[in-house]
Each structure stands twice: as C-alpha cells, then as structure tokens.
Amino acid sequence: MQQLDRVSSASLSYQPVSSVTPASEQLRLIALELFVTQGFSGVSVRKLASAIGLQAGSLYNHIDSKQALLYELIEDHEEELLYVLRRRTGQGDDPRQAVRDYVECYIRFLLANRLGAALSQFEFRSLSLAQQQHISAVRERYHDLLAEMIREGMRRRLFAVCNELAVVHALIAMLDGAPDCPPSNGPSSVEWLIEHFQSLVLRALTAEGLAPS
C-alpha cells in the first residue's frame, strides 16, 4: 500500500512560525507530516522551509541536514516506544498477562503516533547504513522484552514455540499492521482491536495454536 493511501494529506494545515510555537518544534511536526504524505525524497529543503515560513538557508539554524532530521524523527519514535513498553509492561507474574499488556501498550502507542509509525516503517530505507543499524538495535531491545515474556511462558509450559526469534519478529510485524484494520470509529473499536490482537497473539503462542490442523 502506498504512503498516501495510509496517511491522508488532506488534514495538512501549516501556520507560519510564531513566538507561541518554537520554530524547531513546528519544523519537526511539519517535517513528520510531509515526509509521510509526500515521501522523504519528495520533500526538498526549500519546500520544508517554505512550509513554516522560513528561507531555505535559515532552516539550518534548526537542523544539521534533512537526513539528520529524518533520523531524529525515527529515532525519537522508536526510543519512545521502547520507553513506554519498558515502563508499562512485564510488571506482573503471569506471562500471559504480560503478553496481553505488551500487545495493548504497543497498539495504543501506534494509534496515538500514526505518523511516527508510518515514517519509521516507510522511510527506514532512506536512512544511512549506520543509522539503520542504530534503529535496528533499538527495535531489538523491545523485541527482547517480548521474547523474555515468551521464554517465561515456555518455562511454565504455558506457551509452545519452536523458533522464538521467528515468532517474535512475526508477532511484531502483525502488531505493526494493527492500526490499519480498525473495524469502525470510536473508543469501542480500539478496545475491540486490542482484544482481537491479544487473542491472536496468545493463540499463536499456545500449543493448541501451533498444532497442525
């Protein structure tokens, strides 16, 4: 699915930089929208500067480069997701509940940060190799959180997983797609979505869910 199919540009409405909204913060917000809706390569420095009422040369008072700004936006999204997952999951003694909490926290974060999630997914390839390696390392840390929950469930014979690494990556990929399939609008649809994915993930981790049909 194309970027413009996932995040509509119809809602974009830019205001000139003012004393109320610092230029650097407004720049980040506008850059996030533009990079997602028009693609990183389709947004020039001149276009980005014009969107917030600056001259192209003045933009470099706020960023080192367009590439550095992209990296900063993706890094912030991934680091915040890691922070939220560490803070809000894995507190109890039941691995099944820990997985439920992880799924809920992950989906709620993506729903609240749709643009950041889309940018991280679509424009990861636009990062340099060193930048990609750092982002991958951050992602690996929140993958490890889920892996530890799965290992604890296996130790207690609650889960049955043949290839832990493959399962973790598959489950994360599934959760990344969760915001694209809400059944309807409203808070109730969010709860349904979370419960639906909690059920899917737990079934995938149980012996029954992994048994051949």
N, C-alpha and C. Protein backbone atom coordinates (compact mmCIF):
# COMPACT_ATOMS: atom_id res chain seq x y z
N MET A 1 0.84 -1.18 0.00
CA MET A 1 0.00 0.00 0.00
C MET A 1 0.89 1.24 0.00
N GLN A 2 0.55 2.24 -0.76
CA GLN A 2 1.35 3.42 -0.88
C GLN A 2 1.20 4.31 0.35
N GLN A 3 2.18 5.19 0.54
CA GLN A 3 2.16 6.09 1.68
C GLN A 3 0.90 6.94 1.70
N LEU A 4 0.53 7.48 0.55
CA LEU A 4 -0.61 8.38 0.52
C LEU A 4 -1.91 7.66 0.81
N ASP A 5 -1.93 6.34 0.62
CA ASP A 5 -3.13 5.58 0.96
C ASP A 5 -3.27 5.44 2.47
N ARG A 6 -2.15 5.42 3.17
CA ARG A 6 -2.17 5.17 4.60
C ARG A 6 -2.41 6.43 5.41
N VAL A 7 -1.81 7.51 5.02
CA VAL A 7 -1.95 8.75 5.78
C VAL A 7 -2.34 9.85 4.82
N SER A 8 -3.58 10.33 4.95
CA SER A 8 -4.08 11.35 4.04
C SER A 8 -3.40 12.68 4.27
N SER A 9 -3.14 13.38 3.18
CA SER A 9 -2.55 14.72 3.29
C SER A 9 -3.62 15.80 3.38
N ALA A 10 -4.89 15.39 3.34
CA ALA A 10 -5.98 16.37 3.34
C ALA A 10 -6.01 17.19 4.62
N SER A 11 -5.47 16.63 5.71
CA SER A 11 -5.55 17.31 7.00
C SER A 11 -4.42 18.30 7.21
N LEU A 12 -3.48 18.38 6.29
CA LEU A 12 -2.34 19.25 6.49
C LEU A 12 -2.77 20.71 6.49
N SER A 13 -2.35 21.43 7.49
CA SER A 13 -2.64 22.86 7.54
C SER A 13 -1.49 23.54 8.26
N TYR A 14 -0.68 24.27 7.55
CA TYR A 14 0.51 24.85 8.11
C TYR A 14 0.27 26.30 8.53
N GLN A 15 0.89 26.67 9.61
CA GLN A 15 0.85 28.04 10.08
C GLN A 15 2.27 28.56 10.13
N PRO A 16 2.50 29.84 9.82
CA PRO A 16 3.84 30.40 9.89
C PRO A 16 4.40 30.27 11.31
N VAL A 17 5.72 30.21 11.38
CA VAL A 17 6.38 30.14 12.68
C VAL A 17 6.01 31.36 13.50
N SER A 18 5.68 31.15 14.77
CA SER A 18 5.33 32.25 15.66
C SER A 18 6.08 32.09 16.96
N SER A 19 5.95 33.11 17.81
CA SER A 19 6.62 33.05 19.10
C SER A 19 5.95 32.04 20.03
N VAL A 20 4.72 31.65 19.69
CA VAL A 20 3.99 30.69 20.52
C VAL A 20 4.52 29.28 20.31
N THR A 21 4.79 28.93 19.04
CA THR A 21 5.31 27.62 18.71
C THR A 21 6.75 27.75 18.24
N PRO A 22 7.73 27.27 19.00
CA PRO A 22 9.13 27.41 18.59
C PRO A 22 9.36 26.81 17.21
N ALA A 23 10.22 27.46 16.43
CA ALA A 23 10.45 27.03 15.05
C ALA A 23 10.92 25.59 14.97
N SER A 24 11.82 25.20 15.87
CA SER A 24 12.37 23.85 15.79
C SER A 24 11.31 22.79 16.01
N GLU A 25 10.38 23.04 16.96
CA GLU A 25 9.33 22.06 17.22
C GLU A 25 8.31 22.04 16.09
N GLN A 26 7.93 23.20 15.60
CA GLN A 26 6.99 23.22 14.49
C GLN A 26 7.61 22.57 13.25
N LEU A 27 8.89 22.77 13.08
CA LEU A 27 9.60 22.15 11.97
C LEU A 27 9.50 20.63 12.04
N ARG A 28 9.69 20.09 13.23
CA ARG A 28 9.60 18.63 13.40
C ARG A 28 8.21 18.12 13.07
N LEU A 29 7.19 18.83 13.55
CA LEU A 29 5.82 18.39 13.30
C LEU A 29 5.47 18.43 11.81
N ILE A 30 5.87 19.51 11.15
CA ILE A 30 5.56 19.65 9.73
C ILE A 30 6.39 18.68 8.91
N ALA A 31 7.66 18.53 9.26
CA ALA A 31 8.51 17.58 8.54
C ALA A 31 7.95 16.17 8.65
N LEU A 32 7.46 15.81 9.82
CA LEU A 32 6.88 14.48 10.02
C LEU A 32 5.72 14.25 9.05
N GLU A 33 4.82 15.23 8.96
CA GLU A 33 3.67 15.10 8.05
C GLU A 33 4.11 15.05 6.59
N LEU A 34 5.02 15.94 6.22
CA LEU A 34 5.46 15.99 4.83
C LEU A 34 6.21 14.72 4.42
N PHE A 35 7.09 14.25 5.27
CA PHE A 35 7.87 13.05 4.94
C PHE A 35 6.97 11.83 4.77
N VAL A 36 5.88 11.79 5.55
CA VAL A 36 4.96 10.65 5.44
C VAL A 36 4.06 10.78 4.22
N THR A 37 3.47 11.95 4.04
CA THR A 37 2.48 12.10 2.98
C THR A 37 3.08 12.29 1.60
N GLN A 38 4.28 12.85 1.53
CA GLN A 38 4.90 13.11 0.23
C GLN A 38 6.17 12.31 -0.01
N GLY A 39 6.63 11.62 1.02
CA GLY A 39 7.84 10.83 0.88
C GLY A 39 9.06 11.68 1.16
N PHE A 40 10.05 11.09 1.83
CA PHE A 40 11.25 11.83 2.20
C PHE A 40 11.95 12.41 0.98
N SER A 41 12.08 11.62 -0.07
CA SER A 41 12.78 12.09 -1.27
C SER A 41 11.99 13.16 -2.01
N GLY A 42 10.68 13.23 -1.77
CA GLY A 42 9.85 14.21 -2.46
C GLY A 42 9.76 15.54 -1.75
N VAL A 43 10.41 15.67 -0.60
CA VAL A 43 10.36 16.91 0.18
C VAL A 43 11.74 17.57 0.14
N SER A 44 11.83 18.67 -0.55
CA SER A 44 13.10 19.40 -0.63
C SER A 44 13.27 20.29 0.60
N VAL A 45 14.50 20.71 0.82
CA VAL A 45 14.77 21.65 1.92
C VAL A 45 13.98 22.94 1.69
N ARG A 46 13.90 23.36 0.45
CA ARG A 46 13.16 24.59 0.14
C ARG A 46 11.68 24.43 0.48
N LYS A 47 11.10 23.28 0.13
CA LYS A 47 9.69 23.04 0.44
C LYS A 47 9.46 22.99 1.94
N LEU A 48 10.36 22.36 2.64
CA LEU A 48 10.23 22.24 4.09
C LEU A 48 10.33 23.61 4.76
N ALA A 49 11.27 24.41 4.31
CA ALA A 49 11.43 25.75 4.87
C ALA A 49 10.22 26.61 4.57
N SER A 50 9.73 26.53 3.34
CA SER A 50 8.57 27.33 2.93
C SER A 50 7.34 26.99 3.75
N ALA A 51 7.21 25.72 4.13
CA ALA A 51 6.02 25.27 4.87
C ALA A 51 5.92 25.94 6.24
N ILE A 52 7.04 26.38 6.79
CA ILE A 52 6.99 27.04 8.10
C ILE A 52 7.39 28.51 8.01
N GLY A 53 7.44 29.02 6.79
CA GLY A 53 7.67 30.45 6.63
C GLY A 53 9.10 30.89 6.82
N LEU A 54 10.06 30.00 6.48
CA LEU A 54 11.47 30.34 6.59
C LEU A 54 12.14 30.32 5.22
N GLN A 55 13.25 31.00 5.10
CA GLN A 55 14.09 30.86 3.92
C GLN A 55 14.87 29.55 4.05
N ALA A 56 15.19 28.95 2.91
CA ALA A 56 15.88 27.66 2.93
C ALA A 56 17.15 27.71 3.77
N GLY A 57 17.91 28.79 3.63
CA GLY A 57 19.16 28.89 4.38
C GLY A 57 18.94 28.97 5.88
N SER A 58 17.82 29.58 6.28
CA SER A 58 17.53 29.72 7.71
C SER A 58 17.18 28.39 8.36
N LEU A 59 16.79 27.42 7.56
CA LEU A 59 16.41 26.12 8.10
C LEU A 59 17.57 25.47 8.85
N TYR A 60 18.77 25.76 8.40
CA TYR A 60 19.94 25.12 9.00
C TYR A 60 20.30 25.72 10.36
N ASN A 61 19.53 26.72 10.79
CA ASN A 61 19.66 27.16 12.17
C ASN A 61 18.98 26.19 13.13
N HIS A 62 18.15 25.31 12.55
CA HIS A 62 17.36 24.39 13.37
C HIS A 62 17.72 22.92 13.14
N ILE A 63 18.33 22.59 12.02
CA ILE A 63 18.70 21.21 11.72
C ILE A 63 20.08 21.17 11.11
N ASP A 64 20.75 20.03 11.24
CA ASP A 64 22.04 19.84 10.58
C ASP A 64 21.85 19.55 9.10
N SER A 65 20.82 18.75 8.81
CA SER A 65 20.51 18.39 7.43
C SER A 65 19.14 17.74 7.40
N LYS A 66 18.57 17.62 6.21
CA LYS A 66 17.28 16.93 6.08
C LYS A 66 17.43 15.47 6.50
N GLN A 67 18.55 14.87 6.15
CA GLN A 67 18.81 13.47 6.53
C GLN A 67 18.86 13.32 8.05
N ALA A 68 19.54 14.26 8.70
CA ALA A 68 19.64 14.20 10.16
C ALA A 68 18.28 14.37 10.81
N LEU A 69 17.43 15.19 10.22
CA LEU A 69 16.08 15.39 10.75
C LEU A 69 15.26 14.12 10.64
N LEU A 70 15.34 13.44 9.50
CA LEU A 70 14.64 12.17 9.32
C LEU A 70 15.07 11.17 10.39
N TYR A 71 16.37 11.06 10.56
CA TYR A 71 16.91 10.12 11.55
C TYR A 71 16.42 10.46 12.96
N GLU A 72 16.43 11.74 13.29
CA GLU A 72 15.98 12.16 14.61
C GLU A 72 14.52 11.81 14.84
N LEU A 73 13.68 12.02 13.84
CA LEU A 73 12.25 11.72 13.98
C LEU A 73 12.02 10.22 14.17
N ILE A 74 12.70 9.41 13.39
CA ILE A 74 12.53 7.96 13.51
C ILE A 74 13.11 7.46 14.83
N GLU A 75 14.27 7.97 15.19
CA GLU A 75 14.89 7.55 16.45
C GLU A 75 14.00 7.90 17.64
N ASP A 76 13.45 9.11 17.64
CA ASP A 76 12.58 9.52 18.74
C ASP A 76 11.37 8.60 18.86
N HIS A 77 10.78 8.25 17.71
CA HIS A 77 9.61 7.36 17.74
C HIS A 77 9.98 6.00 18.34
N GLU A 78 11.06 5.42 17.87
CA GLU A 78 11.45 4.08 18.32
C GLU A 78 11.88 4.09 19.79
N GLU A 79 12.60 5.12 20.20
CA GLU A 79 13.04 5.20 21.59
C GLU A 79 11.85 5.40 22.53
N GLU A 80 10.89 6.19 22.10
CA GLU A 80 9.71 6.41 22.94
C GLU A 80 8.88 5.14 23.07
N LEU A 81 8.75 4.39 21.98
CA LEU A 81 8.04 3.12 22.05
C LEU A 81 8.74 2.18 23.02
N LEU A 82 10.06 2.09 22.93
CA LEU A 82 10.82 1.25 23.85
C LEU A 82 10.59 1.69 25.29
N TYR A 83 10.63 2.99 25.54
CA TYR A 83 10.43 3.51 26.90
C TYR A 83 9.05 3.14 27.44
N VAL A 84 8.04 3.34 26.60
CA VAL A 84 6.67 3.05 27.03
C VAL A 84 6.49 1.56 27.32
N LEU A 85 7.02 0.72 26.48
CA LEU A 85 6.88 -0.73 26.68
C LEU A 85 7.61 -1.17 27.94
N ARG A 86 8.78 -0.63 28.19
CA ARG A 86 9.53 -0.99 29.40
C ARG A 86 8.78 -0.53 30.65
N ARG A 87 8.19 0.63 30.57
CA ARG A 87 7.55 1.22 31.75
C ARG A 87 6.23 0.56 32.08
N ARG A 88 5.49 0.13 31.08
CA ARG A 88 4.11 -0.29 31.30
C ARG A 88 3.86 -1.79 31.14
N THR A 89 4.87 -2.55 30.83
CA THR A 89 4.65 -3.99 30.65
C THR A 89 5.62 -4.79 31.50
N GLY A 90 5.28 -6.09 31.65
CA GLY A 90 6.15 -7.02 32.34
C GLY A 90 6.22 -6.85 33.84
N GLN A 91 5.21 -6.20 34.45
CA GLN A 91 5.24 -5.94 35.88
C GLN A 91 4.67 -7.10 36.70
N GLY A 92 3.79 -7.89 36.09
CA GLY A 92 3.13 -8.96 36.84
C GLY A 92 3.89 -10.28 36.80
N ASP A 93 3.25 -11.30 37.35
CA ASP A 93 3.89 -12.62 37.45
C ASP A 93 3.38 -13.58 36.39
N ASP A 94 2.33 -13.23 35.69
CA ASP A 94 1.72 -14.12 34.71
C ASP A 94 2.20 -13.76 33.31
N PRO A 95 2.94 -14.66 32.63
CA PRO A 95 3.43 -14.35 31.28
C PRO A 95 2.32 -14.06 30.29
N ARG A 96 1.17 -14.70 30.46
CA ARG A 96 0.05 -14.44 29.55
C ARG A 96 -0.45 -13.01 29.69
N GLN A 97 -0.55 -12.54 30.94
CA GLN A 97 -0.98 -11.17 31.15
C GLN A 97 0.09 -10.19 30.67
N ALA A 98 1.35 -10.56 30.86
CA ALA A 98 2.44 -9.71 30.39
C ALA A 98 2.36 -9.52 28.88
N VAL A 99 2.04 -10.59 28.16
CA VAL A 99 1.90 -10.50 26.71
C VAL A 99 0.69 -9.66 26.35
N ARG A 100 -0.41 -9.85 27.05
CA ARG A 100 -1.61 -9.01 26.81
C ARG A 100 -1.27 -7.53 26.99
N ASP A 101 -0.55 -7.22 28.08
CA ASP A 101 -0.18 -5.83 28.35
C ASP A 101 0.72 -5.29 27.25
N TYR A 102 1.64 -6.11 26.79
CA TYR A 102 2.56 -5.69 25.72
C TYR A 102 1.78 -5.36 24.46
N VAL A 103 0.86 -6.24 24.09
CA VAL A 103 0.05 -6.02 22.88
C VAL A 103 -0.77 -4.75 23.02
N GLU A 104 -1.40 -4.56 24.17
CA GLU A 104 -2.22 -3.37 24.37
C GLU A 104 -1.38 -2.10 24.29
N CYS A 105 -0.26 -2.10 24.98
CA CYS A 105 0.60 -0.93 25.01
C CYS A 105 1.14 -0.61 23.61
N TYR A 106 1.54 -1.63 22.89
CA TYR A 106 2.10 -1.45 21.55
C TYR A 106 1.07 -0.84 20.61
N ILE A 107 -0.14 -1.40 20.61
CA ILE A 107 -1.18 -0.91 19.71
C ILE A 107 -1.62 0.49 20.08
N ARG A 108 -1.81 0.76 21.37
CA ARG A 108 -2.22 2.10 21.78
C ARG A 108 -1.17 3.13 21.39
N PHE A 109 0.09 2.77 21.52
CA PHE A 109 1.16 3.71 21.15
C PHE A 109 1.12 3.99 19.65
N LEU A 110 0.96 2.97 18.83
CA LEU A 110 0.91 3.18 17.39
C LEU A 110 -0.30 4.01 16.99
N LEU A 111 -1.43 3.76 17.62
CA LEU A 111 -2.63 4.53 17.29
C LEU A 111 -2.46 6.00 17.67
N ALA A 112 -1.73 6.27 18.74
CA ALA A 112 -1.51 7.64 19.18
C ALA A 112 -0.38 8.32 18.42
N ASN A 113 0.40 7.54 17.68
CA ASN A 113 1.55 8.08 16.96
C ASN A 113 1.60 7.52 15.54
N ARG A 114 0.49 7.69 14.82
CA ARG A 114 0.36 7.11 13.49
C ARG A 114 1.42 7.63 12.52
N LEU A 115 1.67 8.93 12.55
CA LEU A 115 2.64 9.48 11.62
C LEU A 115 4.05 8.98 11.91
N GLY A 116 4.41 8.95 13.18
CA GLY A 116 5.73 8.44 13.55
C GLY A 116 5.90 6.98 13.16
N ALA A 117 4.85 6.19 13.37
CA ALA A 117 4.90 4.78 13.00
C ALA A 117 5.04 4.61 11.50
N ALA A 118 4.28 5.42 10.73
CA ALA A 118 4.36 5.34 9.27
C ALA A 118 5.73 5.76 8.77
N LEU A 119 6.28 6.81 9.35
CA LEU A 119 7.60 7.27 8.93
C LEU A 119 8.66 6.21 9.20
N SER A 120 8.61 5.63 10.38
CA SER A 120 9.59 4.62 10.74
C SER A 120 9.49 3.40 9.83
N GLN A 121 8.29 3.06 9.44
CA GLN A 121 8.09 1.90 8.56
C GLN A 121 8.49 2.20 7.12
N PHE A 122 8.01 3.32 6.59
CA PHE A 122 8.20 3.61 5.17
C PHE A 122 9.58 4.15 4.83
N GLU A 123 10.15 4.95 5.73
CA GLU A 123 11.38 5.66 5.38
C GLU A 123 12.63 5.11 6.07
N PHE A 124 12.52 3.96 6.69
CA PHE A 124 13.71 3.31 7.27
C PHE A 124 14.77 3.13 6.19
N ARG A 125 14.34 2.79 4.99
CA ARG A 125 15.27 2.56 3.88
C ARG A 125 16.02 3.82 3.47
N SER A 126 15.50 4.98 3.83
CA SER A 126 16.14 6.24 3.46
C SER A 126 17.26 6.63 4.42
N LEU A 127 17.40 5.91 5.51
CA LEU A 127 18.47 6.18 6.46
C LEU A 127 19.79 5.64 5.94
N SER A 128 20.88 6.19 6.45
CA SER A 128 22.19 5.64 6.12
C SER A 128 22.35 4.28 6.79
N LEU A 129 23.36 3.54 6.38
CA LEU A 129 23.58 2.21 6.96
C LEU A 129 23.81 2.30 8.46
N ALA A 130 24.62 3.25 8.89
CA ALA A 130 24.89 3.39 10.32
C ALA A 130 23.61 3.76 11.08
N GLN A 131 22.79 4.61 10.50
CA GLN A 131 21.53 4.99 11.13
C GLN A 131 20.58 3.80 11.20
N GLN A 132 20.51 3.03 10.14
CA GLN A 132 19.67 1.84 10.14
C GLN A 132 20.11 0.86 11.22
N GLN A 133 21.40 0.72 11.39
CA GLN A 133 21.92 -0.21 12.39
C GLN A 133 21.52 0.23 13.79
N HIS A 134 21.56 1.53 14.05
CA HIS A 134 21.17 2.02 15.37
C HIS A 134 19.68 1.81 15.62
N ILE A 135 18.86 2.14 14.64
CA ILE A 135 17.41 1.95 14.79
C ILE A 135 17.09 0.47 14.98
N SER A 136 17.76 -0.38 14.24
CA SER A 136 17.55 -1.83 14.38
C SER A 136 17.91 -2.28 15.79
N ALA A 137 18.95 -1.71 16.36
CA ALA A 137 19.36 -2.07 17.73
C ALA A 137 18.30 -1.65 18.74
N VAL A 138 17.70 -0.49 18.53
CA VAL A 138 16.61 -0.05 19.42
C VAL A 138 15.42 -0.99 19.30
N ARG A 139 15.07 -1.33 18.08
CA ARG A 139 13.95 -2.26 17.87
C ARG A 139 14.23 -3.61 18.52
N GLU A 140 15.47 -4.04 18.42
CA GLU A 140 15.82 -5.34 19.01
C GLU A 140 15.60 -5.34 20.51
N ARG A 141 15.74 -4.21 21.14
CA ARG A 141 15.56 -4.15 22.59
C ARG A 141 14.11 -4.34 22.97
N TYR A 142 13.17 -3.80 22.19
CA TYR A 142 11.77 -4.08 22.57
C TYR A 142 11.30 -5.42 22.03
N HIS A 143 11.99 -5.95 21.03
CA HIS A 143 11.73 -7.34 20.64
C HIS A 143 12.14 -8.27 21.79
N ASP A 144 13.27 -7.94 22.43
CA ASP A 144 13.77 -8.77 23.53
C ASP A 144 12.79 -8.79 24.70
N LEU A 145 12.08 -7.69 24.93
CA LEU A 145 11.09 -7.67 26.00
C LEU A 145 10.02 -8.73 25.77
N LEU A 146 9.53 -8.79 24.53
CA LEU A 146 8.52 -9.79 24.20
C LEU A 146 9.11 -11.19 24.25
N ALA A 147 10.34 -11.33 23.78
CA ALA A 147 10.99 -12.64 23.80
C ALA A 147 11.13 -13.18 25.22
N GLU A 148 11.45 -12.31 26.16
CA GLU A 148 11.59 -12.74 27.54
C GLU A 148 10.24 -13.21 28.11
N MET A 149 9.17 -12.53 27.77
CA MET A 149 7.84 -12.97 28.19
C MET A 149 7.51 -14.35 27.64
N ILE A 150 7.88 -14.55 26.38
CA ILE A 150 7.63 -15.84 25.74
C ILE A 150 8.46 -16.93 26.39
N ARG A 151 9.73 -16.64 26.67
CA ARG A 151 10.59 -17.63 27.32
C ARG A 151 10.05 -18.02 28.70
N GLU A 152 9.56 -17.01 29.45
CA GLU A 152 8.99 -17.32 30.76
C GLU A 152 7.74 -18.17 30.62
N GLY A 153 6.92 -17.88 29.63
CA GLY A 153 5.75 -18.70 29.38
C GLY A 153 6.11 -20.13 28.99
N MET A 154 7.18 -20.28 28.24
CA MET A 154 7.64 -21.62 27.87
C MET A 154 8.18 -22.38 29.08
N ARG A 155 8.90 -21.67 29.96
CA ARG A 155 9.41 -22.32 31.17
C ARG A 155 8.27 -22.85 32.03
N ARG A 156 7.14 -22.14 31.99
CA ARG A 156 5.98 -22.56 32.78
C ARG A 156 5.04 -23.46 31.99
N ARG A 157 5.44 -23.82 30.81
CA ARG A 157 4.64 -24.68 29.92
C ARG A 157 3.29 -24.06 29.56
N LEU A 158 3.27 -22.74 29.50
CA LEU A 158 2.07 -22.02 29.07
C LEU A 158 2.11 -21.75 27.56
N PHE A 159 3.31 -21.61 27.03
CA PHE A 159 3.49 -21.36 25.60
C PHE A 159 4.30 -22.50 25.00
N ALA A 160 4.12 -22.68 23.69
CA ALA A 160 4.89 -23.68 22.95
C ALA A 160 5.37 -23.04 21.66
N VAL A 161 6.66 -22.72 21.62
CA VAL A 161 7.22 -22.02 20.47
C VAL A 161 8.44 -22.79 19.96
N CYS A 162 8.46 -23.05 18.68
CA CYS A 162 9.57 -23.80 18.09
C CYS A 162 10.76 -22.90 17.76
N ASN A 163 10.49 -21.74 17.21
CA ASN A 163 11.54 -20.81 16.81
C ASN A 163 11.21 -19.45 17.40
N GLU A 164 11.77 -19.19 18.57
CA GLU A 164 11.44 -17.98 19.32
C GLU A 164 11.70 -16.71 18.52
N LEU A 165 12.85 -16.62 17.88
CA LEU A 165 13.21 -15.41 17.13
C LEU A 165 12.23 -15.15 15.99
N ALA A 166 11.91 -16.20 15.25
CA ALA A 166 10.98 -16.05 14.12
C ALA A 166 9.59 -15.64 14.62
N VAL A 167 9.16 -16.22 15.72
CA VAL A 167 7.84 -15.91 16.26
C VAL A 167 7.77 -14.46 16.72
N VAL A 168 8.80 -14.00 17.42
CA VAL A 168 8.82 -12.60 17.89
C VAL A 168 8.72 -11.63 16.72
N HIS A 169 9.53 -11.86 15.68
CA HIS A 169 9.50 -10.96 14.53
C HIS A 169 8.15 -11.01 13.81
N ALA A 170 7.56 -12.19 13.75
CA ALA A 170 6.25 -12.32 13.11
C ALA A 170 5.18 -11.59 13.91
N LEU A 171 5.23 -11.72 15.22
CA LEU A 171 4.23 -11.06 16.07
C LEU A 171 4.37 -9.54 16.01
N ILE A 172 5.60 -9.05 16.02
CA ILE A 172 5.82 -7.60 15.93
C ILE A 172 5.30 -7.08 14.59
N ALA A 173 5.57 -7.82 13.52
CA ALA A 173 5.08 -7.40 12.20
C ALA A 173 3.55 -7.35 12.20
N MET A 174 2.93 -8.31 12.87
CA MET A 174 1.48 -8.33 12.94
C MET A 174 0.96 -7.12 13.73
N LEU A 175 1.61 -6.81 14.83
CA LEU A 175 1.19 -5.66 15.64
C LEU A 175 1.40 -4.35 14.88
N ASP A 176 2.45 -4.28 14.09
CA ASP A 176 2.69 -3.06 13.31
C ASP A 176 1.55 -2.78 12.34
N GLY A 177 0.87 -3.83 11.90
CA GLY A 177 -0.24 -3.66 10.97
C GLY A 177 -1.58 -3.44 11.64
N ALA A 178 -1.62 -3.56 12.97
CA ALA A 178 -2.90 -3.45 13.69
C ALA A 178 -3.63 -2.14 13.45
N PRO A 179 -2.97 -0.99 13.46
CA PRO A 179 -3.71 0.27 13.27
C PRO A 179 -4.36 0.40 11.90
N ASP A 180 -3.98 -0.42 10.94
CA ASP A 180 -4.55 -0.33 9.61
C ASP A 180 -5.89 -1.06 9.48
N CYS A 181 -6.30 -1.77 10.53
CA CYS A 181 -7.52 -2.56 10.37
C CYS A 181 -8.54 -2.36 11.48
N PRO A 182 -8.80 -1.13 11.93
CA PRO A 182 -9.90 -0.94 12.90
C PRO A 182 -11.24 -1.18 12.22
N PRO A 183 -12.20 -1.84 12.88
CA PRO A 183 -13.48 -2.16 12.25
C PRO A 183 -14.41 -0.97 12.11
N SER A 184 -14.26 0.03 12.98
CA SER A 184 -15.15 1.19 12.95
C SER A 184 -14.51 2.31 13.74
N ASN A 185 -15.21 3.43 13.83
CA ASN A 185 -14.70 4.56 14.59
C ASN A 185 -15.17 4.51 16.03
N GLY A 186 -14.45 5.21 16.90
CA GLY A 186 -14.88 5.32 18.28
C GLY A 186 -14.03 4.49 19.22
N PRO A 187 -14.09 4.81 20.53
CA PRO A 187 -13.31 4.10 21.53
C PRO A 187 -13.56 2.60 21.56
N SER A 188 -14.81 2.19 21.31
CA SER A 188 -15.13 0.77 21.38
C SER A 188 -14.36 -0.02 20.34
N SER A 189 -14.10 0.59 19.18
CA SER A 189 -13.37 -0.12 18.14
C SER A 189 -11.91 -0.32 18.54
N VAL A 190 -11.37 0.62 19.32
CA VAL A 190 -10.00 0.48 19.81
C VAL A 190 -9.91 -0.70 20.77
N GLU A 191 -10.88 -0.79 21.67
CA GLU A 191 -10.89 -1.91 22.62
C GLU A 191 -11.05 -3.23 21.89
N TRP A 192 -11.93 -3.26 20.88
CA TRP A 192 -12.10 -4.47 20.10
C TRP A 192 -10.80 -4.85 19.42
N LEU A 193 -10.12 -3.88 18.85
CA LEU A 193 -8.87 -4.13 18.14
C LEU A 193 -7.83 -4.72 19.07
N ILE A 194 -7.70 -4.14 20.24
CA ILE A 194 -6.72 -4.63 21.21
C ILE A 194 -7.05 -6.05 21.63
N GLU A 195 -8.30 -6.30 21.98
CA GLU A 195 -8.70 -7.64 22.41
C GLU A 195 -8.52 -8.66 21.30
N HIS A 196 -8.82 -8.25 20.07
CA HIS A 196 -8.66 -9.14 18.92
C HIS A 196 -7.21 -9.55 18.75
N PHE A 197 -6.30 -8.60 18.84
CA PHE A 197 -4.89 -8.91 18.65
C PHE A 197 -4.29 -9.62 19.87
N GLN A 198 -4.79 -9.33 21.05
CA GLN A 198 -4.36 -10.09 22.22
C GLN A 198 -4.69 -11.57 22.03
N SER A 199 -5.89 -11.82 21.55
CA SER A 199 -6.33 -13.20 21.33
C SER A 199 -5.49 -13.87 20.25
N LEU A 200 -5.24 -13.16 19.15
CA LEU A 200 -4.42 -13.72 18.06
C LEU A 200 -3.02 -14.09 18.54
N VAL A 201 -2.41 -13.19 19.29
CA VAL A 201 -1.04 -13.42 19.75
C VAL A 201 -0.99 -14.58 20.73
N LEU A 202 -1.91 -14.63 21.68
CA LEU A 202 -1.88 -15.71 22.66
C LEU A 202 -2.16 -17.06 22.02
N ARG A 203 -3.05 -17.08 21.04
CA ARG A 203 -3.30 -18.35 20.34
C ARG A 203 -2.04 -18.82 19.60
N ALA A 204 -1.31 -17.86 19.05
CA ALA A 204 -0.08 -18.22 18.33
C ALA A 204 1.00 -18.76 19.26
N LEU A 205 0.91 -18.44 20.53
CA LEU A 205 1.94 -18.86 21.48
C LEU A 205 1.60 -20.13 22.23
N THR A 206 0.39 -20.63 22.08
CA THR A 206 0.00 -21.84 22.81
C THR A 206 0.19 -23.09 21.96
N ALA A 207 0.27 -24.20 22.64
CA ALA A 207 0.44 -25.48 21.94
C ALA A 207 -0.71 -25.72 20.99
N GLU A 208 -1.93 -25.35 21.43
CA GLU A 208 -3.10 -25.55 20.58
C GLU A 208 -3.00 -24.69 19.31
N GLY A 209 -2.54 -23.43 19.51
CA GLY A 209 -2.46 -22.54 18.38
C GLY A 209 -1.40 -22.93 17.38
N LEU A 210 -0.36 -23.69 17.85
CA LEU A 210 0.72 -24.08 16.97
C LEU A 210 0.57 -25.48 16.42
N ALA A 211 -0.42 -26.18 16.91
CA ALA A 211 -0.61 -27.56 16.46
C ALA A 211 -1.06 -27.60 15.02
N PRO A 212 -0.60 -28.59 14.22
CA PRO A 212 -1.03 -28.70 12.83
C PRO A 212 -2.50 -29.01 12.73
N SER A 213 -3.15 -28.48 11.70
CA SER A 213 -4.58 -28.72 11.54
C SER A 213 -4.83 -30.09 10.93
